[in-house]
C-alpha cells in the first residue's frame, strides 16, 4: 500500500469497499485540538487496536480492538459526510494496523480530505492527504514512513524526548512541520519545550487545546 497526496482517486467498486468493516471505538464531528490544523472543524474516526500502548495515552480503551464493534465503511463514511466536515482524521489506537484503502478511498470519493495520526509502527496504506507522525521511543517508526511525513509531532516529558524528536526530524522531508507537545500531566515539560523552541525556531509548539476548551 502507499500514500497518495493531492491526487484524485479513480472510482472504485462502491459495493466492494462499502462492506469492509473496521473496529471503531468512536467517530464524531469536532474541532481539531492539536497540531498544524488546530482549530479546524474535522470528523474524527478512532479505530481500535494498538501495538504501541503509551503509558500516558488518554484513550487506553482503544487498545483492545475486540472490545469494539466492527462497523462497515459505508456507515462510517455516511456519518462523516453528513457532518459537513471538509476533512476526516483517522486516529487510534494505531490506525495503520488496518488496511485503510477502502475507508480512505470512499472518504475521498465523497469529497473529504483524509488526515491520519500515526506512530508509524506499521506500513502506510490508503490515500492520505496529510500524515502526522507521532513517533514513540519504545516502538520506533518504520523508515519507509518518513518520506511522506507532513507533520512531526513529538510528545515531550523530558530531555530524552527532545533528543528523540531531533533524530526523527533528520529523517523527515525538509518541508515537514516540526512540533513539540507537552505531555498533559507533566507540567515541567512546558518550560523544557519553550526554552528549546526559542533556541531552535524551526520547531513550533503544539498544545492539546481541546482539553483547555473542553471540546470532545
N, C-alpha and C. Protein backbone atom coordinates (compact mmCIF):
# COMPACT_ATOMS: atom_id res chain seq x y z
N UNK A 1 0.84 -1.19 0.00
CA UNK A 1 0.00 0.00 0.00
C UNK A 1 0.88 1.25 0.00
N UNK A 2 0.30 2.40 -0.30
CA UNK A 2 1.08 3.60 -0.44
C UNK A 2 0.22 4.80 -0.12
N UNK A 3 0.84 5.95 -0.08
CA UNK A 3 0.14 7.19 0.21
C UNK A 3 0.07 8.03 -1.05
N UNK A 4 -1.10 8.54 -1.35
CA UNK A 4 -1.28 9.47 -2.45
C UNK A 4 -1.73 10.80 -1.86
N UNK A 5 -0.99 11.86 -2.14
CA UNK A 5 -1.36 13.17 -1.63
C UNK A 5 -1.70 14.08 -2.80
N UNK A 6 -2.85 14.69 -2.73
CA UNK A 6 -3.22 15.65 -3.75
C UNK A 6 -3.59 15.03 -5.08
N UNK A 7 -3.78 13.74 -5.13
CA UNK A 7 -4.16 13.06 -6.37
C UNK A 7 -5.62 12.65 -6.30
N UNK A 8 -6.31 12.75 -7.41
CA UNK A 8 -7.69 12.28 -7.46
C UNK A 8 -7.70 10.76 -7.44
N UNK A 9 -8.67 10.21 -6.76
CA UNK A 9 -8.78 8.76 -6.67
C UNK A 9 -9.77 8.27 -7.72
N UNK A 10 -9.34 7.30 -8.50
CA UNK A 10 -10.22 6.75 -9.51
C UNK A 10 -11.39 6.02 -8.85
N UNK A 11 -12.55 6.08 -9.49
CA UNK A 11 -13.76 5.46 -8.94
C UNK A 11 -13.56 3.96 -8.77
N UNK A 12 -13.84 3.48 -7.58
CA UNK A 12 -13.70 2.06 -7.29
C UNK A 12 -15.08 1.43 -7.19
N UNK A 13 -15.10 0.14 -6.99
CA UNK A 13 -16.37 -0.56 -6.80
C UNK A 13 -16.93 -0.22 -5.44
N UNK A 14 -18.00 0.58 -5.41
CA UNK A 14 -18.58 1.01 -4.15
C UNK A 14 -19.01 -0.17 -3.30
N UNK A 15 -19.60 -1.18 -3.93
CA UNK A 15 -20.10 -2.32 -3.18
C UNK A 15 -18.95 -3.08 -2.51
N UNK A 16 -17.81 -3.14 -3.18
CA UNK A 16 -16.65 -3.85 -2.63
C UNK A 16 -16.13 -3.17 -1.38
N UNK A 17 -15.92 -1.87 -1.45
CA UNK A 17 -15.33 -1.14 -0.33
C UNK A 17 -16.34 -0.83 0.77
N UNK A 18 -17.59 -0.64 0.40
CA UNK A 18 -18.60 -0.25 1.39
C UNK A 18 -18.81 -1.33 2.45
N UNK A 19 -18.56 -2.58 2.11
CA UNK A 19 -18.84 -3.68 3.03
C UNK A 19 -17.66 -4.00 3.95
N UNK A 20 -16.51 -3.39 3.70
CA UNK A 20 -15.35 -3.64 4.57
C UNK A 20 -15.63 -3.08 5.96
N UNK A 21 -15.26 -3.84 6.99
CA UNK A 21 -15.54 -3.44 8.36
C UNK A 21 -14.25 -3.04 9.09
N UNK A 22 -14.41 -2.08 9.99
CA UNK A 22 -13.30 -1.63 10.84
C UNK A 22 -13.73 -1.65 12.30
N UNK A 23 -12.81 -1.99 13.22
CA UNK A 23 -13.13 -1.91 14.64
C UNK A 23 -13.14 -0.43 15.04
N UNK A 24 -14.30 0.07 15.36
CA UNK A 24 -14.46 1.51 15.60
C UNK A 24 -14.73 1.79 17.07
N UNK A 25 -13.83 2.52 17.71
CA UNK A 25 -14.07 2.94 19.09
C UNK A 25 -15.07 4.08 19.13
N UNK A 26 -14.86 5.08 18.27
CA UNK A 26 -15.76 6.23 18.24
C UNK A 26 -15.51 7.02 16.96
N UNK A 27 -16.51 7.77 16.56
CA UNK A 27 -16.38 8.72 15.48
C UNK A 27 -17.30 9.89 15.78
N UNK A 28 -16.83 11.12 15.50
CA UNK A 28 -17.61 12.29 15.90
C UNK A 28 -17.08 13.53 15.19
N UNK A 29 -17.96 14.52 15.06
CA UNK A 29 -17.61 15.81 14.47
C UNK A 29 -17.09 16.71 15.58
N UNK A 30 -15.94 17.31 15.38
CA UNK A 30 -15.32 18.07 16.46
C UNK A 30 -14.44 19.17 15.88
N UNK A 31 -13.62 19.74 16.74
CA UNK A 31 -12.62 20.72 16.34
C UNK A 31 -11.25 20.09 16.56
N UNK A 32 -10.41 20.13 15.54
CA UNK A 32 -9.05 19.59 15.69
C UNK A 32 -8.36 20.33 16.83
N UNK A 33 -7.88 19.59 17.83
CA UNK A 33 -7.39 20.22 19.04
C UNK A 33 -5.90 20.45 19.10
N UNK A 34 -5.12 19.80 18.24
CA UNK A 34 -3.66 19.91 18.35
C UNK A 34 -3.02 19.79 16.98
N UNK A 35 -1.75 20.18 16.92
CA UNK A 35 -1.01 20.05 15.67
C UNK A 35 -1.24 21.20 14.71
N UNK A 36 -0.80 21.00 13.48
CA UNK A 36 -0.80 22.05 12.46
C UNK A 36 -2.20 22.51 12.08
N UNK A 37 -3.21 21.67 12.28
CA UNK A 37 -4.57 22.02 11.87
C UNK A 37 -5.46 22.36 13.07
N UNK A 38 -4.85 22.77 14.16
CA UNK A 38 -5.59 23.15 15.36
C UNK A 38 -6.66 24.19 15.03
N UNK A 39 -7.84 23.99 15.59
CA UNK A 39 -8.92 24.95 15.44
C UNK A 39 -9.84 24.72 14.26
N UNK A 40 -9.51 23.73 13.40
CA UNK A 40 -10.33 23.48 12.22
C UNK A 40 -11.37 22.40 12.51
N UNK A 41 -12.60 22.57 12.02
CA UNK A 41 -13.61 21.52 12.19
C UNK A 41 -13.22 20.28 11.42
N UNK A 42 -13.40 19.13 12.03
CA UNK A 42 -12.97 17.88 11.41
C UNK A 42 -13.80 16.73 11.94
N UNK A 43 -13.81 15.65 11.18
CA UNK A 43 -14.53 14.45 11.60
C UNK A 43 -13.51 13.42 12.05
N UNK A 44 -13.55 13.06 13.33
CA UNK A 44 -12.58 12.11 13.89
C UNK A 44 -13.10 10.69 13.78
N UNK A 45 -12.24 9.81 13.29
CA UNK A 45 -12.55 8.38 13.18
C UNK A 45 -11.48 7.65 13.97
N UNK A 46 -11.86 7.15 15.14
CA UNK A 46 -10.88 6.50 16.01
C UNK A 46 -11.03 4.98 15.90
N UNK A 47 -10.05 4.36 15.26
CA UNK A 47 -10.06 2.91 15.09
C UNK A 47 -9.40 2.24 16.30
N UNK A 48 -9.92 1.08 16.67
CA UNK A 48 -9.41 0.35 17.83
C UNK A 48 -8.26 -0.57 17.42
N UNK A 49 -7.43 -0.87 18.41
CA UNK A 49 -6.26 -1.71 18.21
C UNK A 49 -4.99 -0.88 18.29
N UNK A 50 -4.04 -1.29 19.11
CA UNK A 50 -2.79 -0.55 19.25
C UNK A 50 -1.67 -1.49 19.65
N UNK A 51 -0.53 -1.34 18.96
CA UNK A 51 0.65 -2.15 19.28
C UNK A 51 1.72 -1.30 19.95
N UNK A 52 1.40 -0.06 20.31
CA UNK A 52 2.37 0.85 20.90
C UNK A 52 2.09 1.04 22.39
N UNK A 53 0.86 1.44 22.70
CA UNK A 53 0.36 1.50 24.09
C UNK A 53 1.22 2.38 24.99
N UNK A 54 1.23 3.68 24.70
CA UNK A 54 1.94 4.66 25.51
C UNK A 54 1.31 4.73 26.90
N UNK A 55 2.13 4.80 27.92
CA UNK A 55 1.57 4.80 29.27
C UNK A 55 0.79 6.06 29.56
N UNK A 56 1.10 7.18 28.83
CA UNK A 56 0.38 8.43 29.05
C UNK A 56 -0.86 8.57 28.15
N UNK A 57 -1.16 7.57 27.37
CA UNK A 57 -2.30 7.63 26.44
C UNK A 57 -3.60 7.95 27.19
N UNK A 58 -4.39 8.86 26.63
CA UNK A 58 -5.66 9.21 27.27
C UNK A 58 -6.85 8.49 26.63
N UNK A 59 -6.58 7.55 25.74
CA UNK A 59 -7.65 6.73 25.15
C UNK A 59 -7.25 5.26 25.20
N UNK A 60 -6.89 4.80 26.36
CA UNK A 60 -6.46 3.41 26.52
C UNK A 60 -7.56 2.42 26.13
N UNK A 61 -8.81 2.85 26.16
CA UNK A 61 -9.91 1.97 25.76
C UNK A 61 -9.82 1.58 24.29
N UNK A 62 -8.98 2.28 23.55
CA UNK A 62 -8.85 1.98 22.12
C UNK A 62 -7.88 0.83 21.85
N UNK A 63 -7.13 0.40 22.85
CA UNK A 63 -6.06 -0.56 22.61
C UNK A 63 -6.57 -1.93 22.17
N UNK A 64 -7.61 -2.41 22.79
CA UNK A 64 -8.12 -3.76 22.53
C UNK A 64 -9.26 -3.69 21.52
N UNK A 65 -8.96 -4.05 20.27
CA UNK A 65 -9.99 -3.92 19.25
C UNK A 65 -11.14 -4.89 19.43
N UNK A 66 -10.93 -5.97 20.17
CA UNK A 66 -12.00 -6.95 20.38
C UNK A 66 -13.15 -6.38 21.22
N UNK A 67 -12.91 -5.28 21.90
CA UNK A 67 -13.93 -4.67 22.75
C UNK A 67 -14.85 -3.73 21.99
N UNK A 68 -14.57 -3.52 20.71
CA UNK A 68 -15.31 -2.51 19.96
C UNK A 68 -16.00 -3.13 18.74
N UNK A 69 -17.14 -2.57 18.37
CA UNK A 69 -17.90 -3.13 17.24
C UNK A 69 -17.20 -2.91 15.91
N UNK A 70 -17.41 -3.83 14.99
CA UNK A 70 -16.90 -3.68 13.63
C UNK A 70 -17.99 -3.01 12.79
N UNK A 71 -17.65 -1.87 12.24
CA UNK A 71 -18.62 -1.05 11.52
C UNK A 71 -18.23 -0.99 10.05
N UNK A 72 -19.22 -1.10 9.18
CA UNK A 72 -18.96 -1.08 7.74
C UNK A 72 -18.48 0.30 7.28
N UNK A 73 -17.60 0.29 6.30
CA UNK A 73 -17.10 1.53 5.71
C UNK A 73 -18.25 2.44 5.30
N UNK A 74 -19.27 1.86 4.70
CA UNK A 74 -20.42 2.64 4.23
C UNK A 74 -21.01 3.51 5.34
N UNK A 75 -21.16 2.94 6.53
CA UNK A 75 -21.78 3.66 7.64
C UNK A 75 -20.85 4.75 8.18
N UNK A 76 -19.57 4.45 8.30
CA UNK A 76 -18.62 5.44 8.79
C UNK A 76 -18.56 6.64 7.85
N UNK A 77 -18.47 6.37 6.55
CA UNK A 77 -18.37 7.44 5.56
C UNK A 77 -19.64 8.26 5.52
N UNK A 78 -20.78 7.61 5.62
CA UNK A 78 -22.05 8.32 5.60
C UNK A 78 -22.14 9.33 6.73
N UNK A 79 -21.70 8.93 7.93
CA UNK A 79 -21.76 9.84 9.07
C UNK A 79 -20.78 11.00 8.89
N UNK A 80 -19.61 10.70 8.33
CA UNK A 80 -18.63 11.76 8.10
C UNK A 80 -19.16 12.78 7.10
N UNK A 81 -19.77 12.31 6.03
CA UNK A 81 -20.32 13.20 5.01
C UNK A 81 -21.46 14.03 5.58
N UNK A 82 -22.34 13.39 6.33
CA UNK A 82 -23.49 14.10 6.91
C UNK A 82 -23.07 15.18 7.91
N UNK A 83 -21.88 15.05 8.49
CA UNK A 83 -21.43 16.03 9.48
C UNK A 83 -21.15 17.39 8.85
N UNK A 84 -20.82 17.40 7.56
CA UNK A 84 -20.47 18.64 6.89
C UNK A 84 -18.99 18.97 6.97
N UNK A 85 -18.19 18.09 7.58
CA UNK A 85 -16.75 18.33 7.70
C UNK A 85 -16.09 18.30 6.32
N UNK A 86 -15.00 19.06 6.20
CA UNK A 86 -14.24 19.05 4.94
C UNK A 86 -13.09 18.05 4.97
N UNK A 87 -12.69 17.63 6.19
CA UNK A 87 -11.67 16.58 6.26
C UNK A 87 -11.92 15.67 7.44
N UNK A 88 -11.44 14.43 7.27
CA UNK A 88 -11.56 13.43 8.32
C UNK A 88 -10.17 13.13 8.86
N UNK A 89 -10.10 12.88 10.16
CA UNK A 89 -8.85 12.50 10.81
C UNK A 89 -8.98 11.06 11.29
N UNK A 90 -8.17 10.18 10.73
CA UNK A 90 -8.18 8.78 11.16
C UNK A 90 -7.09 8.62 12.22
N UNK A 91 -7.51 8.16 13.39
CA UNK A 91 -6.59 8.05 14.51
C UNK A 91 -6.87 6.76 15.26
N UNK A 92 -6.30 6.62 16.44
CA UNK A 92 -6.50 5.37 17.17
C UNK A 92 -6.29 5.56 18.65
N UNK A 93 -5.82 4.51 19.28
CA UNK A 93 -5.14 3.32 18.80
C UNK A 93 -4.04 3.64 17.78
N UNK A 94 -3.73 2.63 17.01
CA UNK A 94 -2.80 2.78 15.90
C UNK A 94 -3.54 2.41 14.62
N UNK A 95 -3.97 3.41 13.85
CA UNK A 95 -4.83 3.14 12.68
C UNK A 95 -4.17 2.33 11.58
N UNK A 96 -2.83 2.38 11.48
CA UNK A 96 -2.16 1.65 10.40
C UNK A 96 -2.06 0.15 10.65
N UNK A 97 -2.62 -0.32 11.76
CA UNK A 97 -2.77 -1.76 11.93
C UNK A 97 -3.82 -2.31 10.97
N UNK A 98 -4.59 -1.42 10.36
CA UNK A 98 -5.68 -1.81 9.47
C UNK A 98 -5.39 -1.33 8.05
N UNK A 99 -5.89 -2.05 7.06
CA UNK A 99 -5.78 -1.62 5.67
C UNK A 99 -6.74 -0.46 5.44
N UNK A 100 -6.21 0.72 5.24
CA UNK A 100 -7.05 1.92 5.13
C UNK A 100 -7.49 2.23 3.71
N UNK A 101 -7.13 1.37 2.76
CA UNK A 101 -7.52 1.61 1.36
C UNK A 101 -9.03 1.80 1.20
N UNK A 102 -9.87 0.87 1.64
CA UNK A 102 -11.32 1.04 1.44
C UNK A 102 -11.87 2.31 2.08
N UNK A 103 -11.51 2.55 3.33
CA UNK A 103 -12.06 3.70 4.05
C UNK A 103 -11.61 5.01 3.44
N UNK A 104 -10.32 5.12 3.13
CA UNK A 104 -9.83 6.39 2.60
C UNK A 104 -10.32 6.66 1.18
N UNK A 105 -10.41 5.64 0.38
CA UNK A 105 -10.93 5.83 -0.98
C UNK A 105 -12.36 6.33 -0.95
N UNK A 106 -13.18 5.73 -0.11
CA UNK A 106 -14.59 6.13 -0.06
C UNK A 106 -14.75 7.53 0.54
N UNK A 107 -13.93 7.88 1.52
CA UNK A 107 -13.98 9.24 2.06
C UNK A 107 -13.62 10.26 0.99
N UNK A 108 -12.56 9.98 0.22
CA UNK A 108 -12.13 10.92 -0.80
C UNK A 108 -13.13 10.99 -1.96
N UNK A 109 -13.72 9.87 -2.30
CA UNK A 109 -14.74 9.88 -3.36
C UNK A 109 -15.92 10.76 -2.96
N UNK A 110 -16.13 10.90 -1.67
CA UNK A 110 -17.23 11.73 -1.18
C UNK A 110 -16.79 13.15 -0.82
N UNK A 111 -15.61 13.53 -1.26
CA UNK A 111 -15.19 14.91 -1.17
C UNK A 111 -14.44 15.32 0.08
N UNK A 112 -14.09 14.38 0.95
CA UNK A 112 -13.35 14.73 2.16
C UNK A 112 -11.85 14.53 1.95
N UNK A 113 -11.07 15.44 2.49
CA UNK A 113 -9.64 15.18 2.59
C UNK A 113 -9.43 14.21 3.74
N UNK A 114 -8.35 13.46 3.69
CA UNK A 114 -8.10 12.44 4.70
C UNK A 114 -6.76 12.70 5.38
N UNK A 115 -6.82 12.89 6.69
CA UNK A 115 -5.62 13.06 7.52
C UNK A 115 -5.47 11.83 8.41
N UNK A 116 -4.25 11.58 8.83
CA UNK A 116 -4.02 10.47 9.74
C UNK A 116 -3.02 10.88 10.81
N UNK A 117 -3.21 10.36 12.01
CA UNK A 117 -2.21 10.49 13.06
C UNK A 117 -1.74 9.09 13.41
N UNK A 118 -0.43 8.87 13.30
CA UNK A 118 0.12 7.53 13.46
C UNK A 118 1.47 7.56 14.15
N UNK A 119 1.81 6.46 14.79
CA UNK A 119 3.15 6.30 15.37
C UNK A 119 4.13 5.81 14.31
N UNK A 120 3.61 5.40 13.15
CA UNK A 120 4.47 4.91 12.08
C UNK A 120 5.00 3.51 12.32
N UNK A 121 4.37 2.77 13.23
CA UNK A 121 4.87 1.43 13.58
C UNK A 121 4.47 0.37 12.56
N UNK A 122 3.56 0.70 11.65
CA UNK A 122 3.12 -0.22 10.60
C UNK A 122 3.20 0.48 9.25
N UNK A 123 3.23 -0.28 8.16
CA UNK A 123 3.34 0.33 6.83
C UNK A 123 2.14 1.23 6.51
N UNK A 124 2.38 2.27 5.73
CA UNK A 124 1.31 3.14 5.26
C UNK A 124 0.36 2.36 4.35
N UNK A 125 -0.90 2.73 4.43
CA UNK A 125 -1.89 2.19 3.49
C UNK A 125 -2.94 3.26 3.23
N UNK A 126 -3.59 3.16 2.09
CA UNK A 126 -4.66 4.09 1.77
C UNK A 126 -4.18 5.34 1.04
N UNK A 127 -5.11 6.28 0.88
CA UNK A 127 -4.88 7.52 0.15
C UNK A 127 -5.00 8.67 1.14
N UNK A 128 -3.87 9.28 1.47
CA UNK A 128 -3.80 10.20 2.59
C UNK A 128 -3.31 11.56 2.14
N UNK A 129 -4.00 12.61 2.58
CA UNK A 129 -3.64 13.98 2.21
C UNK A 129 -2.69 14.63 3.21
N UNK A 130 -2.74 14.17 4.45
CA UNK A 130 -1.89 14.77 5.49
C UNK A 130 -1.50 13.68 6.49
N UNK A 131 -0.21 13.52 6.69
CA UNK A 131 0.28 12.48 7.60
C UNK A 131 1.00 13.12 8.77
N UNK A 132 0.45 12.92 9.96
CA UNK A 132 1.09 13.36 11.19
C UNK A 132 1.76 12.16 11.82
N UNK A 133 3.07 12.25 11.97
CA UNK A 133 3.82 11.19 12.62
C UNK A 133 4.09 11.59 14.06
N UNK A 134 3.65 10.74 14.99
CA UNK A 134 3.93 10.95 16.40
C UNK A 134 4.72 9.74 16.89
N UNK A 135 6.04 9.78 16.72
CA UNK A 135 6.88 8.60 16.98
C UNK A 135 7.08 8.35 18.46
N UNK A 136 7.21 7.08 18.82
CA UNK A 136 7.42 6.69 20.21
C UNK A 136 8.77 5.98 20.34
N UNK A 137 9.50 6.32 21.41
CA UNK A 137 10.85 5.77 21.59
C UNK A 137 10.83 4.26 21.79
N UNK A 138 9.75 3.73 22.39
CA UNK A 138 9.73 2.31 22.71
C UNK A 138 9.16 1.45 21.59
N UNK A 139 8.74 2.05 20.47
CA UNK A 139 8.38 1.29 19.26
C UNK A 139 8.62 2.21 18.07
N UNK A 140 9.80 2.13 17.51
CA UNK A 140 10.25 3.10 16.52
C UNK A 140 9.43 3.03 15.22
N UNK A 141 9.29 4.17 14.55
CA UNK A 141 8.60 4.19 13.26
C UNK A 141 9.40 3.43 12.20
N UNK A 142 8.70 2.91 11.21
CA UNK A 142 9.37 2.27 10.07
C UNK A 142 10.02 3.35 9.21
N UNK A 143 11.21 3.08 8.72
CA UNK A 143 11.91 4.05 7.89
C UNK A 143 11.12 4.43 6.64
N UNK A 144 10.31 3.49 6.15
CA UNK A 144 9.56 3.75 4.90
C UNK A 144 8.48 4.81 5.07
N UNK A 145 8.14 5.15 6.29
CA UNK A 145 7.08 6.15 6.54
C UNK A 145 7.61 7.57 6.37
N UNK A 146 8.86 7.81 6.71
CA UNK A 146 9.40 9.17 6.83
C UNK A 146 9.28 10.03 5.58
N UNK A 147 9.48 9.51 4.36
CA UNK A 147 9.40 10.39 3.18
C UNK A 147 8.04 11.04 2.98
N UNK A 148 7.00 10.52 3.64
CA UNK A 148 5.65 11.01 3.42
C UNK A 148 5.14 11.91 4.55
N UNK A 149 5.97 12.17 5.54
CA UNK A 149 5.50 12.87 6.74
C UNK A 149 5.31 14.37 6.47
N UNK A 150 4.10 14.86 6.73
CA UNK A 150 3.80 16.28 6.61
C UNK A 150 4.04 17.02 7.92
N UNK A 151 3.84 16.30 9.02
CA UNK A 151 3.92 16.91 10.34
C UNK A 151 4.53 15.92 11.32
N UNK A 152 5.60 16.35 11.99
CA UNK A 152 6.21 15.54 13.04
C UNK A 152 5.81 16.15 14.37
N UNK A 153 5.09 15.39 15.18
CA UNK A 153 4.58 15.90 16.46
C UNK A 153 5.03 14.95 17.56
N UNK A 154 5.93 15.44 18.41
CA UNK A 154 6.53 14.59 19.43
C UNK A 154 6.08 15.03 20.82
N UNK A 155 5.53 14.10 21.57
CA UNK A 155 5.14 14.36 22.95
C UNK A 155 6.38 14.35 23.83
N UNK A 156 6.51 15.39 24.65
CA UNK A 156 7.73 15.57 25.44
C UNK A 156 7.42 15.50 26.93
N UNK A 157 8.19 14.65 27.61
CA UNK A 157 8.15 14.59 29.07
C UNK A 157 9.48 15.08 29.66
N UNK A 158 10.59 14.72 28.97
CA UNK A 158 11.92 15.07 29.48
C UNK A 158 12.88 15.25 28.31
N UNK A 159 14.13 15.55 28.63
CA UNK A 159 15.13 15.86 27.60
C UNK A 159 15.31 14.74 26.59
N UNK A 160 15.21 13.50 27.02
CA UNK A 160 15.37 12.38 26.09
C UNK A 160 14.36 12.44 24.95
N UNK A 161 13.18 12.99 25.23
CA UNK A 161 12.15 13.07 24.20
C UNK A 161 12.52 14.13 23.16
N UNK A 162 13.17 15.18 23.58
CA UNK A 162 13.63 16.19 22.61
C UNK A 162 14.75 15.61 21.74
N UNK A 163 15.63 14.86 22.35
CA UNK A 163 16.67 14.18 21.57
C UNK A 163 16.04 13.23 20.56
N UNK A 164 15.00 12.53 20.97
CA UNK A 164 14.27 11.62 20.09
C UNK A 164 13.61 12.39 18.96
N UNK A 165 13.05 13.56 19.27
CA UNK A 165 12.43 14.40 18.24
C UNK A 165 13.46 14.81 17.20
N UNK A 166 14.65 15.20 17.63
CA UNK A 166 15.70 15.61 16.70
C UNK A 166 16.11 14.47 15.77
N UNK A 167 16.22 13.25 16.30
CA UNK A 167 16.60 12.09 15.50
C UNK A 167 15.56 11.83 14.41
N UNK A 168 14.29 11.97 14.77
CA UNK A 168 13.23 11.73 13.79
C UNK A 168 13.14 12.85 12.76
N UNK A 169 13.39 14.08 13.19
CA UNK A 169 13.33 15.21 12.27
C UNK A 169 14.37 15.07 11.16
N UNK A 170 15.51 14.49 11.47
CA UNK A 170 16.57 14.30 10.47
C UNK A 170 16.12 13.39 9.33
N UNK A 171 15.12 12.55 9.57
CA UNK A 171 14.66 11.61 8.55
C UNK A 171 13.48 12.15 7.74
N UNK A 172 12.93 13.28 8.16
CA UNK A 172 11.73 13.83 7.51
C UNK A 172 12.10 14.74 6.35
N UNK A 173 11.18 14.96 5.40
CA UNK A 173 11.43 15.91 4.33
C UNK A 173 11.66 17.32 4.88
N UNK A 174 12.30 18.16 4.08
CA UNK A 174 12.66 19.50 4.54
C UNK A 174 11.48 20.39 4.86
N UNK A 175 10.32 20.12 4.26
CA UNK A 175 9.14 20.96 4.49
C UNK A 175 8.21 20.42 5.57
N UNK A 176 8.63 19.40 6.30
CA UNK A 176 7.79 18.84 7.36
C UNK A 176 7.63 19.85 8.50
N UNK A 177 6.40 20.01 8.98
CA UNK A 177 6.16 20.84 10.16
C UNK A 177 6.69 20.11 11.38
N UNK A 178 7.50 20.80 12.17
CA UNK A 178 8.12 20.20 13.34
C UNK A 178 7.49 20.78 14.61
N UNK A 179 6.88 19.92 15.41
CA UNK A 179 6.14 20.38 16.59
C UNK A 179 6.48 19.53 17.81
N UNK A 180 6.64 20.20 18.94
CA UNK A 180 6.80 19.54 20.23
C UNK A 180 5.55 19.79 21.06
N UNK A 181 5.10 18.76 21.74
CA UNK A 181 3.86 18.87 22.51
C UNK A 181 4.09 18.43 23.96
N UNK A 182 3.81 19.30 24.94
CA UNK A 182 3.99 18.89 26.34
C UNK A 182 3.02 17.79 26.73
N UNK A 183 3.53 16.82 27.47
CA UNK A 183 2.65 15.78 28.00
C UNK A 183 1.73 16.41 29.03
N UNK A 184 0.43 16.15 28.91
CA UNK A 184 -0.59 16.86 29.67
C UNK A 184 -0.37 16.83 31.17
N UNK A 185 0.06 15.71 31.69
CA UNK A 185 0.23 15.55 33.14
C UNK A 185 1.66 15.79 33.62
N UNK A 186 2.48 16.40 32.75
CA UNK A 186 3.87 16.68 33.12
C UNK A 186 4.14 18.18 32.92
N UNK A 187 3.73 19.03 33.88
CA UNK A 187 3.87 20.49 33.72
C UNK A 187 5.29 20.95 33.45
N UNK A 188 6.28 20.25 33.98
CA UNK A 188 7.67 20.66 33.79
C UNK A 188 8.09 20.61 32.33
N UNK A 189 7.36 19.84 31.51
CA UNK A 189 7.72 19.73 30.10
C UNK A 189 7.47 21.03 29.35
N UNK A 190 6.59 21.89 29.87
CA UNK A 190 6.29 23.15 29.19
C UNK A 190 7.52 24.04 29.15
N UNK A 191 8.16 24.25 30.29
CA UNK A 191 9.37 25.09 30.32
C UNK A 191 10.47 24.49 29.46
N UNK A 192 10.57 23.18 29.46
CA UNK A 192 11.58 22.50 28.66
C UNK A 192 11.38 22.78 27.18
N UNK A 193 10.14 22.68 26.73
CA UNK A 193 9.82 22.90 25.32
C UNK A 193 9.99 24.36 24.93
N UNK A 194 9.49 25.27 25.76
CA UNK A 194 9.59 26.70 25.45
C UNK A 194 11.04 27.11 25.29
N UNK A 195 11.89 26.67 26.19
CA UNK A 195 13.31 27.01 26.12
C UNK A 195 13.93 26.46 24.84
N UNK A 196 13.58 25.23 24.49
CA UNK A 196 14.16 24.60 23.31
C UNK A 196 13.71 25.31 22.02
N UNK A 197 12.43 25.62 21.92
CA UNK A 197 11.90 26.24 20.70
C UNK A 197 12.46 27.64 20.51
N UNK A 198 12.66 28.38 21.59
CA UNK A 198 13.26 29.71 21.49
C UNK A 198 14.66 29.64 20.91
N UNK A 199 15.37 28.56 21.20
CA UNK A 199 16.73 28.39 20.69
C UNK A 199 16.75 27.70 19.33
N UNK A 200 15.64 27.06 18.96
CA UNK A 200 15.55 26.29 17.71
C UNK A 200 14.25 26.65 17.00
N UNK A 201 14.19 27.82 16.36
CA UNK A 201 12.94 28.35 15.81
C UNK A 201 12.35 27.56 14.64
N UNK A 202 13.08 26.55 14.15
CA UNK A 202 12.47 25.70 13.12
C UNK A 202 11.39 24.80 13.71
N UNK A 203 11.37 24.72 15.03
CA UNK A 203 10.35 23.94 15.74
C UNK A 203 9.25 24.86 16.24
N UNK A 204 8.05 24.30 16.40
CA UNK A 204 6.93 25.01 17.00
C UNK A 204 6.37 24.19 18.15
N UNK A 205 5.33 24.73 18.79
CA UNK A 205 4.71 24.06 19.92
C UNK A 205 3.27 23.69 19.58
N UNK A 206 2.91 22.48 19.90
CA UNK A 206 1.53 22.00 19.77
C UNK A 206 0.96 21.84 21.18
N UNK A 207 -0.27 22.32 21.36
CA UNK A 207 -0.97 22.17 22.64
C UNK A 207 -2.27 21.42 22.43
N UNK A 208 -2.70 20.70 23.44
CA UNK A 208 -3.98 19.99 23.38
C UNK A 208 -5.11 20.96 23.73
N UNK A 209 -5.41 21.84 22.79
CA UNK A 209 -6.37 22.92 23.06
C UNK A 209 -7.77 22.39 23.35
N UNK A 210 -8.10 21.21 22.82
CA UNK A 210 -9.43 20.66 23.08
C UNK A 210 -9.65 20.37 24.56
N UNK A 211 -8.54 20.09 25.27
CA UNK A 211 -8.66 19.85 26.71
C UNK A 211 -8.88 21.15 27.47
N UNK A 212 -8.21 22.23 27.04
CA UNK A 212 -8.42 23.52 27.66
C UNK A 212 -9.85 24.02 27.42
N UNK A 213 -10.39 23.73 26.24
CA UNK A 213 -11.71 24.22 25.86
C UNK A 213 -12.85 23.25 26.19
N UNK A 214 -12.48 22.07 26.71
CA UNK A 214 -13.47 21.02 26.99
C UNK A 214 -14.25 20.63 25.75
N UNK A 215 -13.54 20.55 24.62
CA UNK A 215 -14.14 20.09 23.36
C UNK A 215 -13.84 18.61 23.24
N UNK A 216 -14.84 17.76 23.03
CA UNK A 216 -14.58 16.32 22.93
C UNK A 216 -13.74 15.95 21.71
